[in-house]
Amino acid sequence: MPISPWRALSPDNGDHYLAFERRFRYVVEDPEHTWRRVWIPTVIACPVCEADTGLRLAYMSGVDAVVEAACPVGHTWVETRVDVSQWMAYCRFRAGSQEFDWLWLIEAGFGEEPPPPIDYAKELRTAAGEVAKYGKRKAKAKVRREVRKVKKKVRNEAMRPVAAVLRTAWAMQSGGVEPVKASRRRPAPKPPKTPPVSAYRKAYGVQAPEKGPKCLACEDSGQITAPGISVPCTECDGPAAAALAAAERRAERARQGKDERRPATSK
């Protein structure tokens, strides 16, 4: 009976199915050792095409009596050399169930062959080759870029007299008007100007806020008044002192020449 490749490993449901990319090995007890048990891993292969990679093994609890196997070509056979209990234990191990009583089976070599060790020397040689190829491509690209620049400059210099003759002929044909030279690069767009706040107020009809007094205690009057009392303000110098200070600032600016007005030009 063919084994469906769409089956999934589910030991809890009785379906013990696994597909192997590398070779699968079962273990056989070594008869030469009598004092201790030694297991010999043996590779399984298809009896028809002798394929030993890409095999699929399956066993359904309560349905199958032995483990069935299939090769990538499609040949199926009954694999009686694989012990059912060992196969079920290996499937539980692959499903994530760690059973310490069966760890000896994994150590003996039962199951799929481990991947070959990484050849670091080969990997380094391959990486060095790739880096050398990348550097060679970059160097060639740089040389070609420089050659293209020189060729373009030489071609432009060679075509300069021809272009001058063509411009002269075009000017004579059009009545002596030189062609308009269009710039290759477009001018950068100017950033939009943000209107002032007064423009928004004028557009929306909003009145400008009135400027309040500088001293909140006396409201620039110099006196704090209340029903029956009137005392001088200690928070500010009063309106007279403010006016005097403003006059002094104006006089200082006039002495420094900063307050001079430009003479009006008559049209």
C-alpha atoms as a PDB file:
ATOM      1  CA  MET A   1       0.000   0.000   0.000  1.00  0.00           C
ATOM      2  CA  PRO A   2       1.538   3.389  -0.989  1.00  0.00           C
ATOM      3  CA  ILE A   3       2.427   5.782   1.824  1.00  0.00           C
ATOM      4  CA  SER A   4       0.831   9.205   1.495  1.00  0.00           C
ATOM      5  CA  PRO A   5       3.441  12.004   1.632  1.00  0.00           C
ATOM      6  CA  TRP A   6       0.851  14.300   3.235  1.00  0.00           C
ATOM      7  CA  ARG A   7       0.738  12.395   6.500  1.00  0.00           C
ATOM      8  CA  ALA A   8       1.966  14.119   9.657  1.00  0.00           C
ATOM      9  CA  LEU A   9       3.832  12.774  12.656  1.00  0.00           C
ATOM     10  CA  SER A  10       1.345  12.259  15.487  1.00  0.00           C
ATOM     11  CA  PRO A  11       2.428   9.571  18.005  1.00  0.00           C
ATOM     12  CA  ASP A  12      -0.424  10.468  20.364  1.00  0.00           C
ATOM     13  CA  ASN A  13      -2.915   9.519  17.643  1.00  0.00           C
ATOM     14  CA  GLY A  14      -1.006   6.365  16.696  1.00  0.00           C
ATOM     15  CA  ASP A  15       0.417   7.718  13.406  1.00  0.00           C
ATOM     16  CA  HIS A  16       4.198   7.212  13.337  1.00  0.00           C
ATOM     17  CA  TYR A  17       5.301   8.695  10.016  1.00  0.00           C
ATOM     18  CA  LEU A  18       8.631  10.326   9.135  1.00  0.00           C
ATOM     19  CA  ALA A  19      10.383  11.361   5.925  1.00  0.00           C
ATOM     20  CA  PHE A  20      14.172  11.472   5.822  1.00  0.00           C
ATOM     21  CA  GLU A  21      16.417  13.601   3.647  1.00  0.00           C
ATOM     22  CA  ARG A  22      19.572  11.708   4.601  1.00  0.00           C
ATOM     23  CA  ARG A  23      20.062   7.962   5.067  1.00  0.00           C
ATOM     24  CA  PHE A  24      18.107   6.116   7.760  1.00  0.00           C
ATOM     25  CA  ARG A  25      19.807   3.541   9.994  1.00  0.00           C
ATOM     26  CA  TYR A  26      18.454   0.811  12.239  1.00  0.00           C
ATOM     27  CA  VAL A  27      20.584  -0.934  14.867  1.00  0.00           C
ATOM     28  CA  VAL A  28      21.577  -4.584  15.098  1.00  0.00           C
ATOM     29  CA  GLU A  29      23.244  -6.179  18.110  1.00  0.00           C
ATOM     30  CA  ASP A  30      26.850  -7.187  17.530  1.00  0.00           C
ATOM     31  CA  PRO A  31      27.133 -10.956  18.176  1.00  0.00           C
ATOM     32  CA  GLU A  32      30.895 -10.819  18.768  1.00  0.00           C
ATOM     33  CA  HIS A  33      30.506  -8.934  22.040  1.00  0.00           C
ATOM     34  CA  THR A  34      29.289 -11.214  24.801  1.00  0.00           C
ATOM     35  CA  TRP A  35      30.178  -9.269  27.926  1.00  0.00           C
ATOM     36  CA  ARG A  36      28.411  -6.061  26.922  1.00  0.00           C
ATOM     37  CA  ARG A  37      25.825  -5.203  24.283  1.00  0.00           C
ATOM     38  CA  VAL A  38      27.158  -3.305  21.250  1.00  0.00           C
ATOM     39  CA  TRP A  39      24.852  -2.027  18.519  1.00  0.00           C
ATOM     40  CA  ILE A  40      25.824  -1.740  14.859  1.00  0.00           C
ATOM     41  CA  PRO A  41      23.994   0.944  12.781  1.00  0.00           C
ATOM     42  CA  THR A  42      22.862  -0.425   9.426  1.00  0.00           C
ATOM     43  CA  VAL A  43      21.585   1.664   6.513  1.00  0.00           C
ATOM     44  CA  ILE A  44      18.228   0.868   4.887  1.00  0.00           C
ATOM     45  CA  ALA A  45      17.961   0.964   1.086  1.00  0.00           C
ATOM     46  CA  CYS A  46      15.225   0.286  -1.436  1.00  0.00           C
ATOM     47  CA  PRO A  47      15.361  -3.371  -2.556  1.00  0.00           C
ATOM     48  CA  VAL A  48      14.383  -2.376  -6.125  1.00  0.00           C
ATOM     49  CA  CYS A  49      16.329   0.794  -6.987  1.00  0.00           C
ATOM     50  CA  GLU A  50      18.749   0.700  -4.019  1.00  0.00           C
ATOM     51  CA  ALA A  51      17.960   4.297  -3.089  1.00  0.00           C
ATOM     52  CA  ASP A  52      19.018   5.112   0.476  1.00  0.00           C
ATOM     53  CA  THR A  53      18.088   8.812   0.691  1.00  0.00           C
ATOM     54  CA  GLY A  54      14.667  10.444   0.671  1.00  0.00           C
ATOM     55  CA  LEU A  55      12.974   7.409   2.257  1.00  0.00           C
ATOM     56  CA  ARG A  56       9.616   7.539   4.056  1.00  0.00           C
ATOM     57  CA  LEU A  57       8.721   5.159   6.895  1.00  0.00           C
ATOM     58  CA  ALA A  58       5.293   4.797   8.487  1.00  0.00           C
ATOM     59  CA  TYR A  59       3.522   2.722  11.080  1.00  0.00           C
ATOM     60  CA  MET A  60      -0.075   3.060  12.286  1.00  0.00           C
ATOM     61  CA  SER A  61      -0.807   1.655  15.729  1.00  0.00           C
ATOM     62  CA  GLY A  62      -3.595  -0.906  15.703  1.00  0.00           C
ATOM     63  CA  VAL A  63      -3.600  -1.120  11.904  1.00  0.00           C
ATOM     64  CA  ASP A  64      -0.128  -2.118  10.739  1.00  0.00           C
ATOM     65  CA  ALA A  65       1.830  -5.088  12.035  1.00  0.00           C
ATOM     66  CA  VAL A  66       5.240  -3.978  10.802  1.00  0.00           C
ATOM     67  CA  VAL A  67       6.876  -0.772   9.606  1.00  0.00           C
ATOM     68  CA  GLU A  68       6.300   0.123   5.957  1.00  0.00           C
ATOM     69  CA  ALA A  69       8.821   2.025   3.809  1.00  0.00           C
ATOM     70  CA  ALA A  70       8.769   3.876   0.492  1.00  0.00           C
ATOM     71  CA  CYS A  71      11.487   5.383  -1.708  1.00  0.00           C
ATOM     72  CA  PRO A  72      11.301   8.642  -3.723  1.00  0.00           C
ATOM     73  CA  VAL A  73      10.567   6.706  -6.932  1.00  0.00           C
ATOM     74  CA  GLY A  74       7.450   5.163  -5.402  1.00  0.00           C
ATOM     75  CA  HIS A  75       8.553   1.620  -4.531  1.00  0.00           C
ATOM     76  CA  THR A  76       6.998   0.386  -1.274  1.00  0.00           C
ATOM     77  CA  TRP A  77       8.006  -2.567   0.848  1.00  0.00           C
ATOM     78  CA  VAL A  78       7.619  -4.012   4.294  1.00  0.00           C
ATOM     79  CA  GLU A  79      10.650  -3.295   6.459  1.00  0.00           C
ATOM     80  CA  THR A  80      10.780  -6.113   8.971  1.00  0.00           C
ATOM     81  CA  ARG A  81      14.319  -5.260  10.099  1.00  0.00           C
ATOM     82  CA  VAL A  82      13.115  -2.156  11.938  1.00  0.00           C
ATOM     83  CA  ASP A  83      11.778  -3.029  15.390  1.00  0.00           C
ATOM     84  CA  VAL A  84       8.301  -1.566  15.933  1.00  0.00           C
ATOM     85  CA  SER A  85       8.942  -0.540  19.543  1.00  0.00           C
ATOM     86  CA  GLN A  86      12.215   1.160  18.609  1.00  0.00           C
ATOM     87  CA  TRP A  87      10.523   2.960  15.724  1.00  0.00           C
ATOM     88  CA  MET A  88       7.702   4.191  17.952  1.00  0.00           C
ATOM     89  CA  ALA A  89      10.233   5.398  20.560  1.00  0.00           C
ATOM     90  CA  TYR A  90      12.215   7.239  17.876  1.00  0.00           C
ATOM     91  CA  CYS A  91       9.045   8.906  16.567  1.00  0.00           C
ATOM     92  CA  ARG A  92       8.151  10.052  20.091  1.00  0.00           C
ATOM     93  CA  PHE A  93      11.688  11.450  20.403  1.00  0.00           C
ATOM     94  CA  ARG A  94      11.305  13.355  17.136  1.00  0.00           C
ATOM     95  CA  ALA A  95       7.941  14.668  18.320  1.00  0.00           C
ATOM     96  CA  GLY A  96       9.590  16.227  21.392  1.00  0.00           C
ATOM     97  CA  SER A  97       8.948  13.593  24.047  1.00  0.00           C
ATOM     98  CA  GLN A  98      12.163  12.943  25.971  1.00  0.00           C
ATOM     99  CA  GLU A  99      12.148   9.390  27.367  1.00  0.00           C
ATOM    100  CA  PHE A 100      15.306   8.601  29.315  1.00  0.00           C
ATOM    101  CA  ASP A 101      14.744   4.855  28.969  1.00  0.00           C
ATOM    102  CA  TRP A 102      15.218   5.139  25.192  1.00  0.00           C
ATOM    103  CA  LEU A 103      18.181   7.539  25.032  1.00  0.00           C
ATOM    104  CA  TRP A 104      20.494   4.577  24.493  1.00  0.00           C
ATOM    105  CA  LEU A 105      18.746   4.013  21.163  1.00  0.00           C
ATOM    106  CA  ILE A 106      19.672   7.470  19.894  1.00  0.00           C
ATOM    107  CA  GLU A 107      23.249   7.066  21.173  1.00  0.00           C
ATOM    108  CA  ALA A 108      23.517   3.677  19.428  1.00  0.00           C
ATOM    109  CA  GLY A 109      22.888   5.401  16.040  1.00  0.00           C
ATOM    110  CA  PHE A 110      19.228   4.590  15.397  1.00  0.00           C
ATOM    111  CA  GLY A 111      17.497   7.079  13.085  1.00  0.00           C
ATOM    112  CA  GLU A 112      18.581   9.551  10.449  1.00  0.00           C
ATOM    113  CA  GLU A 113      22.267  10.128   9.900  1.00  0.00           C
ATOM    114  CA  PRO A 114      23.599  13.380  11.366  1.00  0.00           C
ATOM    115  CA  PRO A 115      24.549  16.122   8.920  1.00  0.00           C
ATOM    116  CA  PRO A 116      28.175  16.139   7.756  1.00  0.00           C
ATOM    117  CA  PRO A 117      30.569  18.409   9.687  1.00  0.00           C
ATOM    118  CA  ILE A 118      31.099  21.907   8.371  1.00  0.00           C
ATOM    119  CA  ASP A 119      34.237  22.253   6.288  1.00  0.00           C
ATOM    120  CA  TYR A 120      35.446  25.622   7.578  1.00  0.00           C
ATOM    121  CA  ALA A 121      38.441  25.648   5.257  1.00  0.00           C
ATOM    122  CA  LYS A 122      36.160  25.241   2.256  1.00  0.00           C
ATOM    123  CA  GLU A 123      33.807  27.918   3.550  1.00  0.00           C
ATOM    124  CA  LEU A 124      36.730  30.316   4.020  1.00  0.00           C
ATOM    125  CA  ARG A 125      38.019  29.592   0.518  1.00  0.00           C
ATOM    126  CA  THR A 126      34.564  30.185  -0.940  1.00  0.00           C
ATOM    127  CA  ALA A 127      34.134  33.425   1.007  1.00  0.00           C
ATOM    128  CA  ALA A 128      37.572  34.648  -0.058  1.00  0.00           C
ATOM    129  CA  GLY A 129      36.721  33.889  -3.673  1.00  0.00           C
ATOM    130  CA  GLU A 130      33.442  35.794  -3.445  1.00  0.00           C
ATOM    131  CA  VAL A 131      35.178  38.788  -1.860  1.00  0.00           C
ATOM    132  CA  ALA A 132      37.838  38.739  -4.580  1.00  0.00           C
ATOM    133  CA  LYS A 133      35.170  38.623  -7.294  1.00  0.00           C
ATOM    134  CA  TYR A 134      33.317  41.514  -5.689  1.00  0.00           C
ATOM    135  CA  GLY A 135      36.495  43.613  -5.504  1.00  0.00           C
ATOM    136  CA  LYS A 136      37.334  42.759  -9.114  1.00  0.00           C
ATOM    137  CA  ARG A 137      33.872  43.838 -10.285  1.00  0.00           C
ATOM    138  CA  LYS A 138      34.164  47.105  -8.349  1.00  0.00           C
ATOM    139  CA  ALA A 139      37.606  47.814  -9.822  1.00  0.00           C
ATOM    140  CA  LYS A 140      36.415  47.087 -13.356  1.00  0.00           C
ATOM    141  CA  ALA A 141      33.373  49.306 -12.870  1.00  0.00           C
ATOM    142  CA  LYS A 142      35.581  52.171 -11.643  1.00  0.00           C
ATOM    143  CA  VAL A 143      37.912  51.830 -14.637  1.00  0.00           C
ATOM    144  CA  ARG A 144      34.984  51.689 -17.067  1.00  0.00           C
ATOM    145  CA  ARG A 145      33.482  54.805 -15.445  1.00  0.00           C
ATOM    146  CA  GLU A 146      36.704  56.755 -15.912  1.00  0.00           C
ATOM    147  CA  VAL A 147      37.031  55.550 -19.514  1.00  0.00           C
ATOM    148  CA  ARG A 148      33.439  56.630 -20.254  1.00  0.00           C
ATOM    149  CA  LYS A 149      34.154  60.086 -18.798  1.00  0.00           C
ATOM    150  CA  VAL A 150      37.237  60.493 -21.015  1.00  0.00           C
ATOM    151  CA  LYS A 151      35.358  59.263 -24.089  1.00  0.00           C
ATOM    152  CA  LYS A 152      32.507  61.647 -23.429  1.00  0.00           C
ATOM    153  CA  LYS A 153      34.882  64.598 -23.000  1.00  0.00           C
ATOM    154  CA  VAL A 154      36.749  63.725 -26.218  1.00  0.00           C
ATOM    155  CA  ARG A 155      33.482  63.314 -28.139  1.00  0.00           C
ATOM    156  CA  ASN A 156      32.196  66.654 -26.900  1.00  0.00           C
ATOM    157  CA  GLU A 157      35.433  68.403 -27.875  1.00  0.00           C
ATOM    158  CA  ALA A 158      35.330  66.762 -31.300  1.00  0.00           C
ATOM    159  CA  MET A 159      31.708  67.765 -31.881  1.00  0.00           C
ATOM    160  CA  ARG A 160      32.188  71.358 -30.680  1.00  0.00           C
ATOM    161  CA  PRO A 161      33.046  72.784 -34.201  1.00  0.00           C
ATOM    162  CA  VAL A 162      30.158  70.861 -35.738  1.00  0.00           C
ATOM    163  CA  ALA A 163      27.775  72.263 -33.135  1.00  0.00           C
ATOM    164  CA  ALA A 164      29.075  75.798 -33.797  1.00  0.00           C
ATOM    165  CA  VAL A 165      28.502  75.394 -37.547  1.00  0.00           C
ATOM    166  CA  LEU A 166      24.987  74.078 -36.944  1.00  0.00           C
ATOM    167  CA  ARG A 167      24.184  77.013 -34.641  1.00  0.00           C
ATOM    168  CA  THR A 168      25.475  79.480 -37.226  1.00  0.00           C
ATOM    169  CA  ALA A 169      23.422  77.842 -39.985  1.00  0.00           C
ATOM    170  CA  TRP A 170      20.325  77.869 -37.821  1.00  0.00           C
ATOM    171  CA  ALA A 171      20.871  81.550 -36.971  1.00  0.00           C
ATOM    172  CA  MET A 172      21.313  82.480 -40.667  1.00  0.00           C
ATOM    173  CA  GLN A 173      18.201  80.537 -41.627  1.00  0.00           C
ATOM    174  CA  SER A 174      16.079  82.136 -38.893  1.00  0.00           C
ATOM    175  CA  GLY A 175      17.226  85.687 -39.647  1.00  0.00           C
ATOM    176  CA  GLY A 176      20.174  86.079 -37.367  1.00  0.00           C
ATOM    177  CA  VAL A 177      18.429  85.183 -34.116  1.00  0.00           C
ATOM    178  CA  GLU A 178      20.414  82.961 -31.807  1.00  0.00           C
ATOM    179  CA  PRO A 179      18.544  79.955 -30.459  1.00  0.00           C
ATOM    180  CA  VAL A 180      17.407  80.183 -26.897  1.00  0.00           C
ATOM    181  CA  LYS A 181      19.602  78.077 -24.665  1.00  0.00           C
ATOM    182  CA  ALA A 182      17.439  76.134 -22.301  1.00  0.00           C
ATOM    183  CA  SER A 183      19.080  75.245 -19.049  1.00  0.00           C
ATOM    184  CA  ARG A 184      19.228  71.559 -18.366  1.00  0.00           C
ATOM    185  CA  ARG A 185      18.586  71.914 -14.681  1.00  0.00           C
ATOM    186  CA  ARG A 186      15.305  73.287 -13.540  1.00  0.00           C
ATOM    187  CA  PRO A 187      15.489  76.019 -10.915  1.00  0.00           C
ATOM    188  CA  ALA A 188      14.660  74.871  -7.446  1.00  0.00           C
ATOM    189  CA  PRO A 189      11.141  75.895  -6.405  1.00  0.00           C
ATOM    190  CA  LYS A 190      11.027  78.690  -3.869  1.00  0.00           C
ATOM    191  CA  PRO A 191       9.595  77.762  -0.501  1.00  0.00           C
ATOM    192  CA  PRO A 192       6.117  79.171   0.130  1.00  0.00           C
ATOM    193  CA  LYS A 193       6.050  82.346   2.181  1.00  0.00           C
ATOM    194  CA  THR A 194       4.113  82.221   5.405  1.00  0.00           C
ATOM    195  CA  PRO A 195       1.817  85.275   5.739  1.00  0.00           C
ATOM    196  CA  PRO A 196       2.140  87.320   8.924  1.00  0.00           C
ATOM    197  CA  VAL A 197      -0.331  87.073  11.779  1.00  0.00           C
ATOM    198  CA  SER A 198      -1.836  90.452  10.863  1.00  0.00           C
ATOM    199  CA  ALA A 199      -2.886  89.053   7.475  1.00  0.00           C
ATOM    200  CA  TYR A 200      -4.771  86.207   9.155  1.00  0.00           C
ATOM    201  CA  ARG A 201      -6.436  88.676  11.517  1.00  0.00           C
ATOM    202  CA  LYS A 202      -7.475  90.870   8.622  1.00  0.00           C
ATOM    203  CA  ALA A 203      -8.773  87.904   6.588  1.00  0.00           C
ATOM    204  CA  TYR A 204     -10.833  86.492   9.465  1.00  0.00           C
ATOM    205  CA  GLY A 205     -11.888  89.878  10.872  1.00  0.00           C
ATOM    206  CA  VAL A 206     -10.233  89.319  14.249  1.00  0.00           C
ATOM    207  CA  GLN A 207      -9.284  92.369  16.282  1.00  0.00           C
ATOM    208  CA  ALA A 208      -5.711  92.616  17.568  1.00  0.00           C
ATOM    209  CA  PRO A 209      -5.440  92.215  21.345  1.00  0.00           C
ATOM    210  CA  GLU A 210      -4.979  95.470  23.175  1.00  0.00           C
ATOM    211  CA  LYS A 211      -1.784  96.020  25.124  1.00  0.00           C
ATOM    212  CA  GLY A 212      -2.478  95.964  28.863  1.00  0.00           C
ATOM    213  CA  PRO A 213      -0.707  97.856  31.645  1.00  0.00           C
ATOM    214  CA  LYS A 214       2.843  96.954  32.571  1.00  0.00           C
ATOM    215  CA  CYS A 215       2.193  97.100  36.334  1.00  0.00           C
ATOM    216  CA  LEU A 216      -0.722  94.972  37.438  1.00  0.00           C
ATOM    217  CA  ALA A 217      -0.720  96.420  40.964  1.00  0.00           C
ATOM    218  CA  CYS A 218      -1.453 100.077  40.114  1.00  0.00           C
ATOM    219  CA  GLU A 219      -2.273  99.716  36.411  1.00  0.00           C
ATOM    220  CA  ASP A 220       0.459 102.259  35.530  1.00  0.00           C
ATOM    221  CA  SER A 221      -1.108 104.984  37.715  1.00  0.00           C
ATOM    222  CA  GLY A 222       1.581 104.992  40.398  1.00  0.00           C
ATOM    223  CA  GLN A 223      -0.975 104.874  43.230  1.00  0.00           C
ATOM    224  CA  ILE A 224      -2.778 101.899  44.752  1.00  0.00           C
ATOM    225  CA  THR A 225      -6.235 103.199  45.579  1.00  0.00           C
ATOM    226  CA  ALA A 226      -9.045 101.717  47.600  1.00  0.00           C
ATOM    227  CA  PRO A 227     -12.083 103.148  49.398  1.00  0.00           C
ATOM    228  CA  GLY A 228     -10.571 105.592  51.873  1.00  0.00           C
ATOM    229  CA  ILE A 229      -6.866 104.950  51.122  1.00  0.00           C
ATOM    230  CA  SER A 230      -4.312 105.926  48.462  1.00  0.00           C
ATOM    231  CA  VAL A 231      -0.718 104.717  48.779  1.00  0.00           C
ATOM    232  CA  PRO A 232       2.159 104.917  46.294  1.00  0.00           C
ATOM    233  CA  CYS A 233       2.909 101.737  44.362  1.00  0.00           C
ATOM    234  CA  THR A 234       6.075  99.903  45.374  1.00  0.00           C
ATOM    235  CA  GLU A 235       6.073  97.499  42.416  1.00  0.00           C
ATOM    236  CA  CYS A 236       6.895 100.179  39.811  1.00  0.00           C
ATOM    237  CA  ASP A 237       8.364 103.686  39.660  1.00  0.00           C
ATOM    238  CA  GLY A 238       5.136 105.266  38.451  1.00  0.00           C
ATOM    239  CA  PRO A 239       4.203 106.914  35.127  1.00  0.00           C
ATOM    240  CA  ALA A 240       6.480 109.907  35.655  1.00  0.00           C
ATOM    241  CA  ALA A 241       9.538 107.754  36.187  1.00  0.00           C
ATOM    242  CA  ALA A 242       8.605 105.583  33.165  1.00  0.00           C
ATOM    243  CA  ALA A 243       8.235 108.692  30.976  1.00  0.00           C
ATOM    244  CA  LEU A 244      11.578 110.034  32.253  1.00  0.00           C
ATOM    245  CA  ALA A 245      13.329 106.733  31.513  1.00  0.00           C
ATOM    246  CA  ALA A 246      11.855 106.661  28.000  1.00  0.00           C
ATOM    247  CA  ALA A 247      13.072 110.239  27.414  1.00  0.00           C
ATOM    248  CA  GLU A 248      16.553 109.291  28.587  1.00  0.00           C
ATOM    249  CA  ARG A 249      16.632 106.320  26.222  1.00  0.00           C
ATOM    250  CA  ARG A 250      15.601 108.506  23.289  1.00  0.00           C
ATOM    251  CA  ALA A 251      18.279 111.081  24.178  1.00  0.00           C
ATOM    252  CA  GLU A 252      20.921 108.362  24.381  1.00  0.00           C
ATOM    253  CA  ARG A 253      19.915 107.005  20.980  1.00  0.00           C
ATOM    254  CA  ALA A 254      20.044 110.527  19.544  1.00  0.00           C
ATOM    255  CA  ARG A 255      23.560 111.029  20.943  1.00  0.00           C
ATOM    256  CA  GLN A 256      24.688 107.742  19.363  1.00  0.00           C
ATOM    257  CA  GLY A 257      23.172 108.713  16.031  1.00  0.00           C
ATOM    258  CA  LYS A 258      20.767 105.751  15.928  1.00  0.00           C
ATOM    259  CA  ASP A 259      17.651 107.885  15.873  1.00  0.00           C
ATOM    260  CA  GLU A 260      18.553 109.902  12.778  1.00  0.00           C
ATOM    261  CA  ARG A 261      15.956 109.860  10.023  1.00  0.00           C
ATOM    262  CA  ARG A 262      16.918 109.461   6.411  1.00  0.00           C
ATOM    263  CA  PRO A 263      16.204 112.618   4.373  1.00  0.00           C
ATOM    264  CA  ALA A 264      13.187 112.279   2.141  1.00  0.00           C
ATOM    265  CA  THR A 265      14.060 112.302  -1.572  1.00  0.00           C
ATOM    266  CA  SER A 266      11.917 114.455  -3.818  1.00  0.00           C
ATOM    267  CA  LYS A 267      10.609 112.849  -6.919  1.00  0.00           C
END
